[in-house]
Amino acid sequence: MELSGLVLIMVVFRKMEVQEFKLHPVAGDIIKFTKDISYSFSDISEKKNINFSFESNVDALEINFDKDKLERYYSISFPMLISILMIMELSMFG
């Protein structure tokens, strides 16, 4: 993982840490949950001309996870990731 990816993870978890970080896991399909959230970022990625998609080797995976915390994590990290990709593209291609 590159430095920018590590910084992204640190920033996301710090933002979540500032808010009360108690997990409330419930059973659910993490693959479907992540796909649904990733679709909400397809518009912004298309506008910025970034090919963004979520792919998984499995169709479904039932696990216990905190939907609210994970949704917050995604809502912080996906836009930041798109910004990082744009910055990297600008620096590589001028």
Protein backbone atom coordinates (compact mmCIF):
# COMPACT_ATOMS: atom_id res chain seq x y z
CA MET A 1 0.00 0.00 0.00
CA GLU A 2 1.32 3.42 -0.90
CA LEU A 3 1.80 6.25 1.57
CA SER A 4 -1.28 8.10 0.30
CA GLY A 5 -3.41 5.03 1.04
CA LEU A 6 -2.05 4.77 4.57
CA VAL A 7 -2.66 8.47 5.16
CA LEU A 8 -6.22 8.05 3.89
CA ILE A 9 -6.88 5.22 6.33
CA MET A 10 -5.43 7.22 9.23
CA VAL A 11 -7.55 10.28 8.40
CA VAL A 12 -10.73 8.22 8.09
CA PHE A 13 -10.22 6.41 11.37
CA ARG A 14 -9.27 9.64 13.14
CA LYS A 15 -12.50 11.26 11.96
CA MET A 16 -14.45 8.26 13.20
CA GLU A 17 -12.50 8.24 16.46
CA VAL A 18 -13.51 11.82 17.20
CA GLN A 19 -17.12 10.71 17.12
CA GLU A 20 -18.16 8.16 19.71
CA PHE A 21 -16.78 4.90 18.39
CA LYS A 22 -18.94 2.14 19.82
CA LEU A 23 -19.71 -0.71 17.49
CA HIS A 24 -23.25 -2.02 17.17
CA PRO A 25 -22.86 -5.01 14.84
CA VAL A 26 -25.82 -6.73 13.24
CA ALA A 27 -25.95 -9.62 10.79
CA GLY A 28 -26.00 -8.62 7.15
CA ASP A 29 -24.61 -9.20 3.68
CA ILE A 30 -21.42 -7.12 3.53
CA ILE A 31 -21.09 -7.61 -0.25
CA LYS A 32 -24.57 -6.24 -1.01
CA PHE A 33 -24.09 -3.43 1.51
CA THR A 34 -20.80 -2.37 -0.08
CA LYS A 35 -22.19 -2.65 -3.63
CA ASP A 36 -25.17 -0.47 -2.71
CA ILE A 37 -22.94 2.20 -1.21
CA SER A 38 -20.48 2.08 -4.10
CA TYR A 39 -23.33 2.80 -6.53
CA SER A 40 -23.98 6.07 -4.72
CA PHE A 41 -20.47 7.20 -5.71
CA SER A 42 -20.78 6.27 -9.38
CA ASP A 43 -22.21 9.69 -10.33
CA ILE A 44 -19.32 11.66 -8.85
CA SER A 45 -16.74 9.32 -10.34
CA GLU A 46 -18.35 9.59 -13.79
CA LYS A 47 -18.40 13.39 -13.56
CA LYS A 48 -14.69 13.32 -12.74
CA ASN A 49 -14.07 10.81 -15.56
CA ILE A 50 -12.91 8.07 -13.17
CA ASN A 51 -13.80 4.44 -13.81
CA PHE A 52 -15.01 3.31 -10.38
CA SER A 53 -16.56 -0.08 -9.63
CA PHE A 54 -16.89 -2.62 -6.86
CA GLU A 55 -16.09 -6.24 -7.66
CA SER A 56 -16.09 -9.31 -5.43
CA ASN A 57 -15.15 -12.95 -5.91
CA VAL A 58 -18.22 -13.98 -3.90
CA ASP A 59 -21.86 -13.07 -4.47
CA ALA A 60 -22.78 -12.75 -0.81
CA LEU A 61 -21.09 -12.86 2.59
CA GLU A 62 -23.17 -12.82 5.75
CA ILE A 63 -21.23 -11.35 8.67
CA ASN A 64 -21.86 -9.14 11.69
CA PHE A 65 -20.92 -5.50 11.05
CA ASP A 66 -21.93 -2.03 12.18
CA LYS A 67 -23.80 -0.66 9.18
CA ASP A 68 -23.77 2.93 10.44
CA LYS A 69 -20.02 3.01 11.13
CA LEU A 70 -19.17 1.30 7.86
CA GLU A 71 -21.41 3.67 5.92
CA ARG A 72 -19.66 6.61 7.58
CA TYR A 73 -16.27 5.10 6.76
CA TYR A 74 -17.25 4.69 3.11
CA SER A 75 -18.77 8.18 2.90
CA ILE A 76 -15.47 9.64 4.12
CA SER A 77 -13.03 7.37 2.30
CA PHE A 78 -14.59 7.10 -1.18
CA PRO A 79 -14.60 10.86 -1.92
CA MET A 80 -11.09 11.14 -0.48
CA LEU A 81 -9.94 8.24 -2.66
CA ILE A 82 -11.41 9.90 -5.75
CA SER A 83 -9.58 13.13 -4.85
CA ILE A 84 -6.30 11.26 -4.37
CA LEU A 85 -6.72 9.53 -7.73
CA MET A 86 -7.35 12.89 -9.42
CA ILE A 87 -4.26 14.42 -7.80
CA MET A 88 -2.16 11.44 -8.84
CA GLU A 89 -3.47 11.67 -12.40
CA LEU A 90 -2.71 15.39 -12.57
CA SER A 91 0.81 14.88 -11.27
CA MET A 92 1.48 12.02 -13.70
CA PHE A 93 -0.01 13.54 -16.83
CA GLY A 94 0.33 17.25 -16.08
